[in-house]
Amino acid sequence: MIKKRIEEWIKDILFPRRCPVCDEVLPVVAAWEESRLICPGCSAKIERIQEPLCKKCGKPLDDEKRELCTDCKKKKHEFEQGKAVFVYSGGIRESLYRFKYSNRREYADFYGEEALRRYEKWILNKKIQVIIPIPLHKKRQRGRGYNQAELFARVIGARLGIPVCTDLMIREKNTVPQKELNEAERKNNLKNAFKITKNIVHLSYILLVDDIYTTGSTIDAAALALKKAGGTHIYFICVSSGRGF
């Protein structure tokens, strides 16, 4: 444990971390202290998802008497349940943009730690056997250099001792970004987008990981592919989601 902390401390000196909200370089703390992953002031500027929330997708709700958001009441999802850590607004919206497009890979540590602080017991209670980050198409991943969902997934997997597998599912279609489409277009855009590459009949409890949850079209498409291949209980966790209505 001490050796690992010293290694992290040296890494922080050589490659200073940036705050995932303001993007300023974080001060290096003493070797015996935990690394800072966010500015104290910035931590108060982001909205963490709290109860009440949708019992299906995990979006925050404004009425504690409701169990499901409007989306989840209207349609049948392919997943069993999902969670998100932050509300997709303000500082987190900008943070995720830099995480995806400006090579701010170190942000994954903060997202992962926050996810574990909130949902570690939930993940363990679901008896998850494998974590699968939503894959990027190979062309898009080559251009970006990394898959942001995989970075987030690996923080969670490493802490909980759950394998993160990136070779069980591939993205065959280089789909149009979902944010540019309406609900009907999103569903059609992702039809047959994912392919299972290995036998997964021995994997009953699977956790999908992504960065943003909006309508659930991406998670549903991936979950459907897994269910057709033999997966039976599909859950998900995302860095952030929109509000439930």
C-alpha atoms as a PDB file:
ATOM      1  CA  MET A   1       0.000   0.000   0.000  1.00  0.00           C
ATOM      2  CA  ILE A   2       2.810   2.413   0.921  1.00  0.00           C
ATOM      3  CA  LYS A   3       4.735   1.506  -2.224  1.00  0.00           C
ATOM      4  CA  LYS A   4       1.659   2.148  -4.352  1.00  0.00           C
ATOM      5  CA  ARG A   5       1.081   5.556  -2.732  1.00  0.00           C
ATOM      6  CA  ILE A   6       4.707   6.573  -3.322  1.00  0.00           C
ATOM      7  CA  GLU A   7       4.390   5.530  -6.961  1.00  0.00           C
ATOM      8  CA  GLU A   8       1.229   7.644  -7.278  1.00  0.00           C
ATOM      9  CA  TRP A   9       2.972  10.589  -5.603  1.00  0.00           C
ATOM     10  CA  ILE A  10       5.904  10.434  -8.024  1.00  0.00           C
ATOM     11  CA  LYS A  11       3.465  10.210 -10.922  1.00  0.00           C
ATOM     12  CA  ASP A  12       1.608  13.282  -9.633  1.00  0.00           C
ATOM     13  CA  ILE A  13       4.887  15.222  -9.588  1.00  0.00           C
ATOM     14  CA  LEU A  14       5.941  14.146 -13.080  1.00  0.00           C
ATOM     15  CA  PHE A  15       2.472  14.350 -14.615  1.00  0.00           C
ATOM     16  CA  PRO A  16       0.388  16.813 -12.576  1.00  0.00           C
ATOM     17  CA  ARG A  17      -3.325  16.144 -12.470  1.00  0.00           C
ATOM     18  CA  ARG A  18      -5.899  18.679 -13.551  1.00  0.00           C
ATOM     19  CA  CYS A  19      -9.160  19.391 -11.799  1.00  0.00           C
ATOM     20  CA  PRO A  20     -11.974  17.777 -13.798  1.00  0.00           C
ATOM     21  CA  VAL A  21     -14.144  20.871 -13.402  1.00  0.00           C
ATOM     22  CA  CYS A  22     -11.949  23.975 -13.767  1.00  0.00           C
ATOM     23  CA  ASP A  23      -9.086  22.124 -15.531  1.00  0.00           C
ATOM     24  CA  GLU A  24      -6.452  23.902 -13.439  1.00  0.00           C
ATOM     25  CA  VAL A  25      -3.402  21.923 -12.291  1.00  0.00           C
ATOM     26  CA  LEU A  26      -3.996  20.430  -8.849  1.00  0.00           C
ATOM     27  CA  PRO A  27      -1.357  20.973  -6.141  1.00  0.00           C
ATOM     28  CA  VAL A  28       0.712  17.914  -5.252  1.00  0.00           C
ATOM     29  CA  VAL A  29       0.074  16.822  -1.668  1.00  0.00           C
ATOM     30  CA  ALA A  30       2.540  15.151   0.673  1.00  0.00           C
ATOM     31  CA  ALA A  31       3.472  11.542  -0.057  1.00  0.00           C
ATOM     32  CA  TRP A  32       1.513  10.271   2.969  1.00  0.00           C
ATOM     33  CA  GLU A  33      -1.701  12.023   1.877  1.00  0.00           C
ATOM     34  CA  GLU A  34      -4.232  10.890  -0.721  1.00  0.00           C
ATOM     35  CA  SER A  35      -3.937  12.523  -4.128  1.00  0.00           C
ATOM     36  CA  ARG A  36      -6.411  15.293  -4.781  1.00  0.00           C
ATOM     37  CA  LEU A  37      -8.712  14.541  -7.693  1.00  0.00           C
ATOM     38  CA  ILE A  38     -10.681  17.804  -7.677  1.00  0.00           C
ATOM     39  CA  CYS A  39     -10.418  21.334  -6.270  1.00  0.00           C
ATOM     40  CA  PRO A  40     -12.365  21.600  -2.986  1.00  0.00           C
ATOM     41  CA  GLY A  41     -14.245  24.603  -4.326  1.00  0.00           C
ATOM     42  CA  CYS A  42     -15.093  22.892  -7.602  1.00  0.00           C
ATOM     43  CA  SER A  43     -16.485  19.839  -5.827  1.00  0.00           C
ATOM     44  CA  ALA A  44     -19.312  22.029  -4.541  1.00  0.00           C
ATOM     45  CA  LYS A  45     -20.112  23.312  -8.037  1.00  0.00           C
ATOM     46  CA  ILE A  46     -21.202  20.013  -9.556  1.00  0.00           C
ATOM     47  CA  GLU A  47     -24.520  18.281  -8.992  1.00  0.00           C
ATOM     48  CA  ARG A  48     -24.408  14.707  -7.799  1.00  0.00           C
ATOM     49  CA  ILE A  49     -27.503  12.617  -8.389  1.00  0.00           C
ATOM     50  CA  GLN A  50     -29.539  12.149  -5.233  1.00  0.00           C
ATOM     51  CA  GLU A  51     -32.869  10.608  -4.297  1.00  0.00           C
ATOM     52  CA  PRO A  52     -35.560  10.672  -5.478  1.00  0.00           C
ATOM     53  CA  LEU A  53     -34.496   8.970  -8.672  1.00  0.00           C
ATOM     54  CA  CYS A  54     -35.967   6.709 -11.322  1.00  0.00           C
ATOM     55  CA  LYS A  55     -35.904   3.111 -10.086  1.00  0.00           C
ATOM     56  CA  LYS A  56     -35.100   1.888 -13.601  1.00  0.00           C
ATOM     57  CA  CYS A  57     -32.551   4.226 -15.212  1.00  0.00           C
ATOM     58  CA  GLY A  58     -31.404   6.247 -12.191  1.00  0.00           C
ATOM     59  CA  LYS A  59     -32.282   9.717 -13.476  1.00  0.00           C
ATOM     60  CA  PRO A  60     -33.041  12.263 -10.740  1.00  0.00           C
ATOM     61  CA  LEU A  61     -36.724  13.072 -10.247  1.00  0.00           C
ATOM     62  CA  ASP A  62     -38.403  16.139  -8.760  1.00  0.00           C
ATOM     63  CA  ASP A  63     -41.181  14.191  -7.036  1.00  0.00           C
ATOM     64  CA  GLU A  64     -40.420  11.591  -4.376  1.00  0.00           C
ATOM     65  CA  LYS A  65     -43.798   9.925  -4.960  1.00  0.00           C
ATOM     66  CA  ARG A  66     -42.790   8.863  -8.482  1.00  0.00           C
ATOM     67  CA  GLU A  67     -40.903   5.636  -9.126  1.00  0.00           C
ATOM     68  CA  LEU A  68     -40.155   5.992 -12.841  1.00  0.00           C
ATOM     69  CA  CYS A  69     -39.201   8.860 -15.131  1.00  0.00           C
ATOM     70  CA  THR A  70     -41.417   9.613 -18.135  1.00  0.00           C
ATOM     71  CA  ASP A  71     -39.090   7.784 -20.541  1.00  0.00           C
ATOM     72  CA  CYS A  72     -39.049   4.586 -18.497  1.00  0.00           C
ATOM     73  CA  LYS A  73     -42.833   4.642 -18.095  1.00  0.00           C
ATOM     74  CA  LYS A  74     -43.289   4.855 -21.863  1.00  0.00           C
ATOM     75  CA  LYS A  75     -40.898   2.182 -23.100  1.00  0.00           C
ATOM     76  CA  LYS A  76     -39.516  -1.204 -22.229  1.00  0.00           C
ATOM     77  CA  HIS A  77     -35.763  -1.194 -21.701  1.00  0.00           C
ATOM     78  CA  GLU A  78     -33.463  -4.133 -22.383  1.00  0.00           C
ATOM     79  CA  PHE A  79     -31.487  -3.559 -19.163  1.00  0.00           C
ATOM     80  CA  GLU A  80     -32.641  -4.364 -15.648  1.00  0.00           C
ATOM     81  CA  GLN A  81     -31.440  -1.247 -13.852  1.00  0.00           C
ATOM     82  CA  GLY A  82     -28.939   1.560 -14.172  1.00  0.00           C
ATOM     83  CA  LYS A  83     -27.218   4.289 -12.194  1.00  0.00           C
ATOM     84  CA  ALA A  84     -25.500   7.586 -12.952  1.00  0.00           C
ATOM     85  CA  VAL A  85     -23.242   9.693 -10.745  1.00  0.00           C
ATOM     86  CA  PHE A  86     -23.758  13.294 -11.860  1.00  0.00           C
ATOM     87  CA  VAL A  87     -26.448  15.398 -13.491  1.00  0.00           C
ATOM     88  CA  TYR A  88     -25.352  16.267 -17.021  1.00  0.00           C
ATOM     89  CA  SER A  89     -25.165  20.037 -16.668  1.00  0.00           C
ATOM     90  CA  GLY A  90     -22.732  22.884 -16.039  1.00  0.00           C
ATOM     91  CA  GLY A  91     -19.281  21.829 -14.921  1.00  0.00           C
ATOM     92  CA  ILE A  92     -19.823  18.129 -15.600  1.00  0.00           C
ATOM     93  CA  ARG A  93     -21.020  18.773 -19.151  1.00  0.00           C
ATOM     94  CA  GLU A  94     -17.828  20.719 -19.884  1.00  0.00           C
ATOM     95  CA  SER A  95     -15.717  18.195 -17.991  1.00  0.00           C
ATOM     96  CA  LEU A  96     -17.001  15.274 -20.063  1.00  0.00           C
ATOM     97  CA  TYR A  97     -16.353  17.174 -23.271  1.00  0.00           C
ATOM     98  CA  ARG A  98     -12.685  17.596 -22.330  1.00  0.00           C
ATOM     99  CA  PHE A  99     -12.542  13.988 -21.124  1.00  0.00           C
ATOM    100  CA  LYS A 100     -13.676  12.766 -24.544  1.00  0.00           C
ATOM    101  CA  TYR A 101     -12.083  15.237 -26.914  1.00  0.00           C
ATOM    102  CA  SER A 102      -9.155  16.921 -25.144  1.00  0.00           C
ATOM    103  CA  ASN A 103      -7.243  13.894 -23.846  1.00  0.00           C
ATOM    104  CA  ARG A 104      -8.055  14.540 -20.183  1.00  0.00           C
ATOM    105  CA  ARG A 105      -7.773  10.846 -19.357  1.00  0.00           C
ATOM    106  CA  GLU A 106      -6.942  11.490 -15.701  1.00  0.00           C
ATOM    107  CA  TYR A 107     -10.522  12.668 -15.109  1.00  0.00           C
ATOM    108  CA  ALA A 108     -11.510   8.975 -15.111  1.00  0.00           C
ATOM    109  CA  ASP A 109     -10.015   8.565 -11.624  1.00  0.00           C
ATOM    110  CA  PHE A 110     -12.350  11.204 -10.196  1.00  0.00           C
ATOM    111  CA  TYR A 111     -15.416   9.838 -11.990  1.00  0.00           C
ATOM    112  CA  GLY A 112     -14.581   6.311 -10.875  1.00  0.00           C
ATOM    113  CA  GLU A 113     -13.977   7.223  -7.243  1.00  0.00           C
ATOM    114  CA  GLU A 114     -17.262   9.130  -7.095  1.00  0.00           C
ATOM    115  CA  ALA A 115     -19.096   6.189  -8.674  1.00  0.00           C
ATOM    116  CA  LEU A 116     -17.604   3.768  -6.167  1.00  0.00           C
ATOM    117  CA  ARG A 117     -18.366   6.014  -3.219  1.00  0.00           C
ATOM    118  CA  ARG A 118     -22.021   5.989  -4.218  1.00  0.00           C
ATOM    119  CA  TYR A 119     -22.600   2.622  -5.876  1.00  0.00           C
ATOM    120  CA  GLU A 120     -19.959   0.128  -4.739  1.00  0.00           C
ATOM    121  CA  LYS A 121     -22.461  -1.845  -2.644  1.00  0.00           C
ATOM    122  CA  TRP A 122     -25.037  -1.747  -5.429  1.00  0.00           C
ATOM    123  CA  ILE A 123     -22.553  -3.214  -7.923  1.00  0.00           C
ATOM    124  CA  LEU A 124     -21.433  -5.933  -5.511  1.00  0.00           C
ATOM    125  CA  ASN A 125     -25.026  -6.819  -4.614  1.00  0.00           C
ATOM    126  CA  LYS A 126     -25.774  -7.406  -8.302  1.00  0.00           C
ATOM    127  CA  LYS A 127     -23.090 -10.136  -8.386  1.00  0.00           C
ATOM    128  CA  ILE A 128     -21.494  -8.611 -11.463  1.00  0.00           C
ATOM    129  CA  GLN A 129     -19.193 -11.065 -13.248  1.00  0.00           C
ATOM    130  CA  VAL A 130     -17.796  -8.790 -15.924  1.00  0.00           C
ATOM    131  CA  ILE A 131     -17.719  -5.097 -16.791  1.00  0.00           C
ATOM    132  CA  ILE A 132     -18.080  -4.142 -20.458  1.00  0.00           C
ATOM    133  CA  PRO A 133     -17.461  -0.539 -21.530  1.00  0.00           C
ATOM    134  CA  ILE A 134     -19.609   0.562 -24.461  1.00  0.00           C
ATOM    135  CA  PRO A 135     -17.210   0.194 -27.407  1.00  0.00           C
ATOM    136  CA  LEU A 136     -16.343   2.857 -29.940  1.00  0.00           C
ATOM    137  CA  HIS A 137     -16.116   2.019 -33.611  1.00  0.00           C
ATOM    138  CA  LYS A 138     -12.481   1.221 -34.442  1.00  0.00           C
ATOM    139  CA  LYS A 139     -12.229   4.240 -36.743  1.00  0.00           C
ATOM    140  CA  ARG A 140     -13.425   6.618 -34.035  1.00  0.00           C
ATOM    141  CA  GLN A 141     -11.196   5.052 -31.394  1.00  0.00           C
ATOM    142  CA  ARG A 142      -8.134   5.372 -33.649  1.00  0.00           C
ATOM    143  CA  GLY A 143      -8.890   9.054 -34.122  1.00  0.00           C
ATOM    144  CA  ARG A 144      -9.437   9.714 -30.422  1.00  0.00           C
ATOM    145  CA  GLY A 145      -6.710   7.392 -29.187  1.00  0.00           C
ATOM    146  CA  TYR A 146      -8.767   5.862 -26.374  1.00  0.00           C
ATOM    147  CA  ASN A 147     -12.267   4.885 -25.304  1.00  0.00           C
ATOM    148  CA  GLN A 148     -13.418   7.155 -22.481  1.00  0.00           C
ATOM    149  CA  ALA A 149     -15.930   4.562 -21.217  1.00  0.00           C
ATOM    150  CA  GLU A 150     -13.121   2.014 -20.868  1.00  0.00           C
ATOM    151  CA  LEU A 151     -11.034   4.387 -18.733  1.00  0.00           C
ATOM    152  CA  PHE A 152     -13.976   4.916 -16.381  1.00  0.00           C
ATOM    153  CA  ALA A 153     -14.719   1.182 -16.304  1.00  0.00           C
ATOM    154  CA  ARG A 154     -11.152   0.235 -15.412  1.00  0.00           C
ATOM    155  CA  VAL A 155     -11.170   2.404 -12.285  1.00  0.00           C
ATOM    156  CA  ILE A 156     -14.283   0.584 -11.067  1.00  0.00           C
ATOM    157  CA  GLY A 157     -13.043  -2.856 -12.085  1.00  0.00           C
ATOM    158  CA  ALA A 158      -9.641  -2.431 -10.452  1.00  0.00           C
ATOM    159  CA  ARG A 159     -11.143  -1.435  -7.102  1.00  0.00           C
ATOM    160  CA  LEU A 160     -13.757  -4.200  -7.023  1.00  0.00           C
ATOM    161  CA  GLY A 161     -11.672  -6.952  -8.570  1.00  0.00           C
ATOM    162  CA  ILE A 162     -14.111  -7.418 -11.441  1.00  0.00           C
ATOM    163  CA  PRO A 163     -12.642  -8.062 -14.913  1.00  0.00           C
ATOM    164  CA  VAL A 164     -13.116  -5.371 -17.546  1.00  0.00           C
ATOM    165  CA  CYS A 165     -13.466  -6.975 -20.965  1.00  0.00           C
ATOM    166  CA  THR A 166     -13.095  -5.008 -24.180  1.00  0.00           C
ATOM    167  CA  ASP A 167     -13.056  -7.967 -26.558  1.00  0.00           C
ATOM    168  CA  LEU A 168     -16.506  -9.448 -25.894  1.00  0.00           C
ATOM    169  CA  MET A 169     -18.434  -6.811 -27.829  1.00  0.00           C
ATOM    170  CA  ILE A 170     -17.487  -4.612 -30.782  1.00  0.00           C
ATOM    171  CA  ARG A 171     -19.210  -1.732 -32.502  1.00  0.00           C
ATOM    172  CA  GLU A 172     -19.690  -2.752 -36.123  1.00  0.00           C
ATOM    173  CA  LYS A 173     -21.452   0.400 -37.311  1.00  0.00           C
ATOM    174  CA  ASN A 174     -19.727   3.777 -37.190  1.00  0.00           C
ATOM    175  CA  THR A 175     -22.906   5.432 -35.991  1.00  0.00           C
ATOM    176  CA  VAL A 176     -23.795   9.126 -36.097  1.00  0.00           C
ATOM    177  CA  PRO A 177     -23.373  10.791 -32.663  1.00  0.00           C
ATOM    178  CA  GLN A 178     -26.598  10.232 -30.742  1.00  0.00           C
ATOM    179  CA  LYS A 179     -26.841  13.846 -29.586  1.00  0.00           C
ATOM    180  CA  GLU A 180     -27.562  14.892 -33.174  1.00  0.00           C
ATOM    181  CA  LEU A 181     -30.655  12.670 -33.478  1.00  0.00           C
ATOM    182  CA  ASN A 182     -34.203  12.455 -32.179  1.00  0.00           C
ATOM    183  CA  GLU A 183     -35.502   9.389 -30.322  1.00  0.00           C
ATOM    184  CA  ALA A 184     -36.682   7.468 -33.404  1.00  0.00           C
ATOM    185  CA  GLU A 185     -33.466   8.232 -35.271  1.00  0.00           C
ATOM    186  CA  ARG A 186     -31.370   7.162 -32.274  1.00  0.00           C
ATOM    187  CA  LYS A 187     -33.005   3.761 -32.167  1.00  0.00           C
ATOM    188  CA  ASN A 188     -32.581   3.176 -35.900  1.00  0.00           C
ATOM    189  CA  ASN A 189     -29.030   4.516 -35.811  1.00  0.00           C
ATOM    190  CA  LEU A 190     -28.046   1.820 -33.300  1.00  0.00           C
ATOM    191  CA  LYS A 191     -29.906  -1.102 -34.860  1.00  0.00           C
ATOM    192  CA  ASN A 192     -27.447  -4.010 -35.109  1.00  0.00           C
ATOM    193  CA  ALA A 193     -24.607  -1.649 -34.151  1.00  0.00           C
ATOM    194  CA  PHE A 194     -23.073  -4.073 -31.633  1.00  0.00           C
ATOM    195  CA  LYS A 195     -21.763  -7.580 -32.197  1.00  0.00           C
ATOM    196  CA  ILE A 196     -20.809 -10.164 -29.559  1.00  0.00           C
ATOM    197  CA  THR A 197     -17.500 -11.778 -30.497  1.00  0.00           C
ATOM    198  CA  LYS A 198     -17.239 -14.610 -27.961  1.00  0.00           C
ATOM    199  CA  ASN A 199     -19.391 -17.148 -26.178  1.00  0.00           C
ATOM    200  CA  ILE A 200     -20.867 -15.439 -23.104  1.00  0.00           C
ATOM    201  CA  VAL A 201     -23.429 -17.997 -21.944  1.00  0.00           C
ATOM    202  CA  HIS A 202     -21.458 -18.361 -18.692  1.00  0.00           C
ATOM    203  CA  LEU A 203     -21.877 -14.652 -17.963  1.00  0.00           C
ATOM    204  CA  SER A 204     -25.263 -13.986 -16.406  1.00  0.00           C
ATOM    205  CA  TYR A 205     -24.571 -10.713 -14.566  1.00  0.00           C
ATOM    206  CA  ILE A 206     -23.051  -7.996 -16.734  1.00  0.00           C
ATOM    207  CA  LEU A 207     -22.385  -4.307 -16.036  1.00  0.00           C
ATOM    208  CA  LEU A 208     -22.277  -1.977 -19.034  1.00  0.00           C
ATOM    209  CA  VAL A 209     -20.363   1.283 -18.604  1.00  0.00           C
ATOM    210  CA  ASP A 210     -20.692   4.523 -20.557  1.00  0.00           C
ATOM    211  CA  ASP A 211     -20.104   8.226 -20.061  1.00  0.00           C
ATOM    212  CA  ILE A 212     -23.564   9.747 -20.663  1.00  0.00           C
ATOM    213  CA  TYR A 213     -27.099   8.342 -20.410  1.00  0.00           C
ATOM    214  CA  THR A 214     -29.869  10.260 -22.169  1.00  0.00           C
ATOM    215  CA  THR A 215     -32.736   8.188 -23.596  1.00  0.00           C
ATOM    216  CA  GLY A 216     -31.081   4.810 -23.113  1.00  0.00           C
ATOM    217  CA  SER A 217     -30.881   3.912 -26.805  1.00  0.00           C
ATOM    218  CA  THR A 218     -27.182   3.027 -26.683  1.00  0.00           C
ATOM    219  CA  ILE A 219     -27.446   0.952 -23.513  1.00  0.00           C
ATOM    220  CA  ASP A 220     -30.565  -0.790 -24.848  1.00  0.00           C
ATOM    221  CA  ALA A 221     -28.851  -1.712 -28.121  1.00  0.00           C
ATOM    222  CA  ALA A 222     -25.815  -3.121 -26.322  1.00  0.00           C
ATOM    223  CA  ALA A 223     -27.972  -4.937 -23.747  1.00  0.00           C
ATOM    224  CA  LEU A 224     -30.098  -6.498 -26.487  1.00  0.00           C
ATOM    225  CA  ALA A 225     -26.993  -7.838 -28.244  1.00  0.00           C
ATOM    226  CA  LEU A 226     -25.779  -9.341 -24.960  1.00  0.00           C
ATOM    227  CA  LYS A 227     -29.158 -10.907 -24.183  1.00  0.00           C
ATOM    228  CA  LYS A 228     -29.368 -12.493 -27.622  1.00  0.00           C
ATOM    229  CA  ALA A 229     -25.944 -14.023 -26.987  1.00  0.00           C
ATOM    230  CA  GLY A 230     -26.953 -15.474 -23.637  1.00  0.00           C
ATOM    231  CA  GLY A 231     -26.542 -12.711 -21.055  1.00  0.00           C
ATOM    232  CA  THR A 232     -29.539 -12.600 -18.741  1.00  0.00           C
ATOM    233  CA  HIS A 233     -29.081  -9.770 -16.229  1.00  0.00           C
ATOM    234  CA  ILE A 234     -27.749  -6.543 -17.736  1.00  0.00           C
ATOM    235  CA  TYR A 235     -27.089  -3.452 -15.617  1.00  0.00           C
ATOM    236  CA  PHE A 236     -25.332  -0.186 -16.392  1.00  0.00           C
ATOM    237  CA  ILE A 237     -23.513   2.692 -14.751  1.00  0.00           C
ATOM    238  CA  CYS A 238     -22.701   6.037 -16.385  1.00  0.00           C
ATOM    239  CA  VAL A 239     -20.772   9.105 -15.359  1.00  0.00           C
ATOM    240  CA  SER A 240     -23.804  11.324 -15.872  1.00  0.00           C
ATOM    241  CA  SER A 241     -27.377  11.503 -17.057  1.00  0.00           C
ATOM    242  CA  GLY A 242     -30.015  14.080 -17.818  1.00  0.00           C
ATOM    243  CA  ARG A 243     -32.896  14.796 -15.486  1.00  0.00           C
ATOM    244  CA  GLY A 244     -35.972  12.603 -15.364  1.00  0.00           C
ATOM    245  CA  PHE A 245     -39.342  14.128 -16.113  1.00  0.00           C
END
